[in-house]
Amino acid sequence: MPNLERYIAATVRWRQDYSPELWSVRLELEAPLRFRPGQYATLAVEDAEGLHERPYSIVSSPREAGLEFFFELVPEGELTPRLHRLREGDRLWVRRAAKGLFQLDSRSGRGRHLMVATVTGVAPFVSMLRTLADPAGGAPGGSGPAPETLALIVAASRSWEFGYREEVLALAERVPALRPVFSVSRPWEDTAWTGECGRAEDILRKYADAAGCRAEATTAYLCGHPQMIANAKGILTRSGFAPRSIHEELYWIPPKAGARPAANRD
């Protein structure tokens, strides 16, 4: 059994599968976990081979009961194959401290926020948006000014990889600043899709400009695939964004990269 001073016992209470590789779960914890929207929690599964743990961005708002997560299966990964086998009623562990600085900017005074995600990278943004939509939830980043604009771009290969599209569109009705767009990069594999097409970085300037996200008035947030983050960061930098105005959350280390990412693992 893991050290109970470091871990909280948790039980899977709800699960939803979007595709064979993508699913969400909600966990009931035996003790509360304090966190801020955008942060991540470290999950652990124990089996005959030992304790396996990785950090994952939290989908839920701090005011919700339990914790919600959005996973993508990495077949040869350390933890996602074990998480994929869990069903309602199964148990796992959560480290007692949530971490991460990927939170809504409330200090700079910039009222515009440009959020860009690939697939499960939408998770921290959903946490922020749920908090903003909750009248009692407060601002996700603290006591800063209310956002003027929340431009959210979510890209995936095919539309069934948008685990939270319907919820985000519904949240846009409750959060007037929110301007979401979903884009499919392989429309030939998803012929029923009638929305935007292209990778996140392909449409970044189009929707940033449409939302009035000028460099001097905007904080950008990039979450998910490391190549998207590298490409989008280059586009934003060339557009005049200062490094302090671009926040990144890589979900794995690309080959030959030296920095350790801060969020979801395999």
Protein backbone atom coordinates (compact mmCIF):
# COMPACT_ATOMS: atom_id res chain seq x y z
CA MET A 1 0.00 0.00 0.00
CA PRO A 2 1.32 3.48 -0.86
CA ASN A 3 2.38 5.83 1.94
CA LEU A 4 -0.88 7.42 3.08
CA GLU A 5 0.96 10.60 4.07
CA ARG A 6 1.68 11.16 0.37
CA TYR A 7 -1.42 9.70 -1.31
CA ILE A 8 -5.20 9.88 -1.11
CA ALA A 9 -7.20 6.76 -1.96
CA ALA A 10 -9.62 7.25 -4.86
CA THR A 11 -12.38 5.27 -6.58
CA VAL A 12 -13.56 5.49 -10.19
CA ARG A 13 -17.21 6.62 -10.03
CA TRP A 14 -17.85 7.50 -13.69
CA ARG A 15 -16.25 6.75 -17.02
CA GLN A 16 -16.99 7.89 -20.57
CA ASP A 17 -15.23 6.56 -23.67
CA TYR A 18 -15.03 8.76 -26.79
CA SER A 19 -12.96 6.39 -28.92
CA PRO A 20 -10.85 3.26 -28.32
CA GLU A 21 -7.97 5.54 -27.26
CA LEU A 22 -9.70 8.45 -25.51
CA TRP A 23 -11.77 8.47 -22.33
CA SER A 24 -12.63 10.49 -19.22
CA VAL A 25 -13.08 9.42 -15.62
CA ARG A 26 -14.33 11.04 -12.45
CA LEU A 27 -12.75 9.98 -9.18
CA GLU A 28 -14.18 10.10 -5.68
CA LEU A 29 -11.42 10.88 -3.20
CA GLU A 30 -11.35 9.82 0.45
CA ALA A 31 -9.95 13.25 1.37
CA PRO A 32 -10.17 16.61 -0.43
CA LEU A 33 -7.46 17.79 -2.81
CA ARG A 34 -6.90 21.53 -3.06
CA PHE A 35 -6.02 22.84 -6.53
CA ARG A 36 -6.38 25.81 -8.83
CA PRO A 37 -7.89 25.60 -12.34
CA GLY A 38 -5.16 24.61 -14.79
CA GLN A 39 -3.11 22.58 -12.33
CA TYR A 40 -2.38 18.85 -12.49
CA ALA A 41 -2.54 15.93 -10.08
CA THR A 42 -0.35 12.85 -9.96
CA LEU A 43 -2.26 9.56 -10.26
CA ALA A 44 -0.90 6.18 -9.25
CA VAL A 45 -1.97 2.59 -9.89
CA GLU A 46 -0.57 -0.30 -7.87
CA ASP A 47 -0.19 -3.80 -9.32
CA ALA A 48 2.11 -6.83 -8.99
CA GLU A 49 4.92 -4.85 -10.65
CA GLY A 50 4.75 -2.02 -8.12
CA LEU A 51 3.40 1.51 -8.04
CA HIS A 52 3.09 3.35 -11.36
CA GLU A 53 2.42 7.10 -11.35
CA ARG A 54 2.19 10.03 -13.76
CA PRO A 55 0.76 13.59 -13.58
CA TYR A 56 -2.39 14.57 -15.50
CA SER A 57 -4.17 17.89 -15.95
CA ILE A 58 -7.40 18.22 -13.95
CA VAL A 59 -10.59 18.79 -15.95
CA SER A 60 -12.90 19.56 -13.05
CA SER A 61 -13.40 22.87 -11.27
CA PRO A 62 -12.16 23.16 -7.67
CA ARG A 63 -15.80 23.56 -6.55
CA GLU A 64 -16.88 20.20 -7.99
CA ALA A 65 -17.06 16.98 -6.04
CA GLY A 66 -14.27 14.61 -7.03
CA LEU A 67 -11.67 14.96 -9.76
CA GLU A 68 -12.17 14.52 -13.50
CA PHE A 69 -9.48 13.61 -16.04
CA PHE A 70 -9.25 13.19 -19.84
CA PHE A 71 -6.85 10.47 -21.01
CA GLU A 72 -5.28 9.31 -24.25
CA LEU A 73 -4.03 5.73 -24.39
CA VAL A 74 -0.33 5.24 -25.10
CA PRO A 75 -0.16 1.46 -25.74
CA GLU A 76 3.46 1.09 -24.62
CA GLY A 77 3.18 3.71 -21.87
CA GLU A 78 3.86 3.31 -18.18
CA LEU A 79 0.45 4.24 -16.81
CA THR A 80 -2.26 4.88 -19.42
CA PRO A 81 -2.66 1.15 -20.29
CA ARG A 82 -3.27 0.49 -16.59
CA LEU A 83 -5.66 3.44 -16.30
CA HIS A 84 -7.47 2.24 -19.43
CA ARG A 85 -8.29 -1.05 -17.72
CA LEU A 86 -9.98 0.65 -14.75
CA ARG A 87 -13.75 0.55 -14.54
CA GLU A 88 -16.31 2.03 -12.16
CA GLY A 89 -15.59 0.85 -8.64
CA ASP A 90 -11.87 0.28 -9.21
CA ARG A 91 -9.41 2.04 -6.92
CA LEU A 92 -6.22 4.04 -7.45
CA TRP A 93 -4.21 6.73 -5.67
CA VAL A 94 -3.75 10.49 -5.96
CA ARG A 95 -0.79 12.42 -4.56
CA ARG A 96 -1.90 14.90 -1.92
CA ALA A 97 -0.41 17.98 -3.62
CA ALA A 98 -1.65 19.39 -6.94
CA LYS A 99 0.98 21.33 -8.85
CA GLY A 100 1.52 23.49 -11.91
CA LEU A 101 1.78 27.14 -12.95
CA PHE A 102 -0.40 26.78 -16.06
CA GLN A 103 -3.14 29.06 -14.76
CA LEU A 104 -5.14 31.98 -16.07
CA ASP A 105 -3.05 35.15 -15.98
CA SER A 106 -4.46 37.56 -13.39
CA ARG A 107 -1.40 39.72 -12.77
CA SER A 108 -0.38 41.31 -16.05
CA GLY A 109 -3.57 43.30 -16.57
CA ARG A 110 -4.02 41.83 -20.06
CA GLY A 111 -7.71 41.15 -20.59
CA ARG A 112 -7.45 38.93 -23.65
CA HIS A 113 -6.55 35.26 -23.44
CA LEU A 114 -5.64 33.01 -26.39
CA MET A 115 -5.89 29.30 -25.57
CA VAL A 116 -4.63 26.63 -27.96
CA ALA A 117 -4.95 22.88 -27.36
CA THR A 118 -4.64 19.52 -29.05
CA VAL A 119 -6.98 16.68 -27.97
CA THR A 120 -6.46 16.07 -24.21
CA GLY A 121 -4.72 19.43 -23.96
CA VAL A 122 -8.17 20.96 -23.59
CA ALA A 123 -8.36 19.61 -20.01
CA PRO A 124 -6.93 22.59 -18.07
CA PHE A 125 -8.98 25.00 -20.16
CA VAL A 126 -12.19 23.16 -19.32
CA SER A 127 -11.29 23.51 -15.64
CA MET A 128 -10.81 27.26 -16.09
CA LEU A 129 -14.05 27.65 -18.07
CA ARG A 130 -16.14 25.65 -15.62
CA THR A 131 -14.85 27.91 -12.85
CA LEU A 132 -15.64 31.05 -14.81
CA ALA A 133 -19.14 29.76 -15.57
CA ASP A 134 -19.85 29.06 -11.90
CA PRO A 135 -21.26 32.24 -10.29
CA ALA A 136 -19.76 31.15 -6.97
CA GLY A 137 -16.53 29.86 -8.45
CA GLY A 138 -14.52 33.06 -8.70
CA ALA A 139 -11.90 33.88 -11.30
CA PRO A 140 -9.63 30.92 -12.18
CA GLY A 141 -6.48 33.00 -11.85
CA GLY A 142 -7.39 34.83 -8.67
CA SER A 143 -8.61 38.38 -8.19
CA GLY A 144 -7.57 39.82 -11.55
CA PRO A 145 -9.87 41.58 -14.03
CA ALA A 146 -12.64 39.63 -15.72
CA PRO A 147 -11.49 38.36 -19.14
CA GLU A 148 -12.49 40.52 -22.10
CA THR A 149 -11.88 37.69 -24.55
CA LEU A 150 -11.22 33.96 -24.22
CA ALA A 151 -10.31 32.69 -27.68
CA LEU A 152 -10.08 28.89 -27.54
CA ILE A 153 -8.71 26.81 -30.42
CA VAL A 154 -8.92 23.03 -30.07
CA ALA A 155 -7.50 20.82 -32.82
CA ALA A 156 -7.63 17.07 -33.35
CA SER A 157 -7.19 14.66 -36.23
CA ARG A 158 -10.90 13.72 -36.26
CA SER A 159 -14.01 15.14 -34.61
CA TRP A 160 -14.62 12.16 -32.30
CA GLU A 161 -11.42 13.14 -30.49
CA PHE A 162 -13.15 16.29 -29.16
CA GLY A 163 -14.13 14.87 -25.79
CA TYR A 164 -15.48 18.18 -24.47
CA ARG A 165 -16.73 19.98 -27.59
CA GLU A 166 -20.42 19.97 -26.64
CA GLU A 167 -19.66 21.14 -23.12
CA VAL A 168 -17.40 23.96 -24.31
CA LEU A 169 -20.05 25.16 -26.77
CA ALA A 170 -22.59 25.14 -23.94
CA LEU A 171 -20.18 27.04 -21.68
CA ALA A 172 -19.90 29.71 -24.36
CA GLU A 173 -23.56 30.49 -23.67
CA ARG A 174 -22.70 31.19 -20.03
CA VAL A 175 -19.30 32.83 -20.48
CA PRO A 176 -19.81 35.75 -22.91
CA ALA A 177 -16.06 36.26 -23.38
CA LEU A 178 -15.56 32.72 -24.69
CA ARG A 179 -15.02 32.25 -28.45
CA PRO A 180 -14.36 28.56 -29.13
CA VAL A 181 -13.38 26.95 -32.43
CA PHE A 182 -12.73 23.27 -33.12
CA SER A 183 -10.67 22.15 -36.08
CA VAL A 184 -10.06 18.76 -37.71
CA SER A 185 -6.71 18.16 -39.40
CA ARG A 186 -7.70 14.96 -41.28
CA PRO A 187 -11.11 15.74 -42.79
CA TRP A 188 -10.68 12.98 -45.37
CA GLU A 189 -10.98 10.52 -42.46
CA ASP A 190 -14.02 12.34 -41.05
CA THR A 191 -16.22 13.17 -44.02
CA ALA A 192 -19.21 14.11 -41.86
CA TRP A 193 -17.31 17.01 -40.32
CA THR A 194 -18.45 20.41 -41.61
CA GLY A 195 -16.47 22.70 -39.31
CA GLU A 196 -13.02 24.26 -39.51
CA CYS A 197 -10.15 22.21 -40.94
CA GLY A 198 -6.43 22.40 -40.28
CA ARG A 199 -3.92 21.98 -37.48
CA ALA A 200 -4.04 24.38 -34.56
CA GLU A 201 -1.01 26.32 -35.78
CA ASP A 202 -2.50 26.54 -39.29
CA ILE A 203 -5.52 28.52 -38.06
CA LEU A 204 -3.91 30.28 -35.10
CA ARG A 205 -3.40 33.69 -36.72
CA LYS A 206 -6.83 33.63 -38.36
CA TYR A 207 -8.73 33.22 -35.10
CA ALA A 208 -6.35 35.25 -32.96
CA ASP A 209 -6.81 38.20 -35.29
CA ALA A 210 -10.58 37.68 -35.45
CA ALA A 211 -10.77 37.79 -31.65
CA GLY A 212 -8.60 40.91 -31.45
CA CYS A 213 -5.84 39.07 -29.59
CA ARG A 214 -3.07 41.60 -30.16
CA ALA A 215 0.30 40.78 -28.65
CA GLU A 216 0.38 43.73 -26.26
CA ALA A 217 -3.07 42.93 -24.83
CA THR A 218 -3.06 39.11 -24.79
CA THR A 219 -1.71 36.19 -22.79
CA ALA A 220 -1.34 32.97 -24.79
CA TYR A 221 -1.61 29.42 -23.43
CA LEU A 222 -0.40 26.38 -25.41
CA CYS A 223 -1.24 22.88 -24.18
CA GLY A 224 -0.83 19.39 -25.62
CA HIS A 225 1.35 18.10 -28.45
CA PRO A 226 4.93 19.42 -28.21
CA GLN A 227 5.23 20.04 -31.96
CA MET A 228 2.09 22.16 -31.93
CA ILE A 229 3.47 24.10 -29.00
CA ALA A 230 6.79 24.71 -30.75
CA ASN A 231 5.10 25.80 -33.99
CA ALA A 232 2.50 28.00 -32.28
CA LYS A 233 5.12 29.60 -30.05
CA GLY A 234 7.15 30.51 -33.13
CA ILE A 235 4.09 32.06 -34.80
CA LEU A 236 3.21 34.07 -31.70
CA THR A 237 6.78 35.23 -31.19
CA ARG A 238 6.97 36.46 -34.76
CA SER A 239 3.67 38.25 -34.15
CA GLY A 240 5.20 40.25 -31.31
CA PHE A 241 4.33 38.16 -28.24
CA ALA A 242 6.95 38.45 -25.50
CA PRO A 243 8.14 35.18 -23.88
CA ARG A 244 6.47 36.15 -20.59
CA SER A 245 3.13 36.34 -22.41
CA ILE A 246 3.27 32.73 -23.65
CA HIS A 247 2.54 29.90 -21.22
CA GLU A 248 3.25 26.27 -22.19
CA GLU A 249 2.17 22.86 -20.92
CA LEU A 250 3.85 20.03 -22.85
CA TYR A 251 2.26 16.60 -22.52
CA TRP A 252 5.37 14.59 -23.30
CA ILE A 253 9.03 15.10 -24.24
CA PRO A 254 9.73 14.93 -27.97
CA PRO A 255 12.85 12.96 -28.99
CA LYS A 256 16.12 14.71 -28.08
CA ALA A 257 14.36 17.40 -26.05
CA GLY A 258 16.11 18.22 -22.80
CA ALA A 259 13.42 19.80 -20.65
CA ARG A 260 11.11 17.73 -18.48
CA PRO A 261 7.45 18.49 -19.24
CA ALA A 262 5.08 19.46 -16.48
CA ALA A 263 1.87 17.61 -17.17
CA ASN A 264 0.36 14.48 -18.68
CA ARG A 265 2.53 11.44 -19.13
CA ASP A 266 2.06 8.07 -20.72
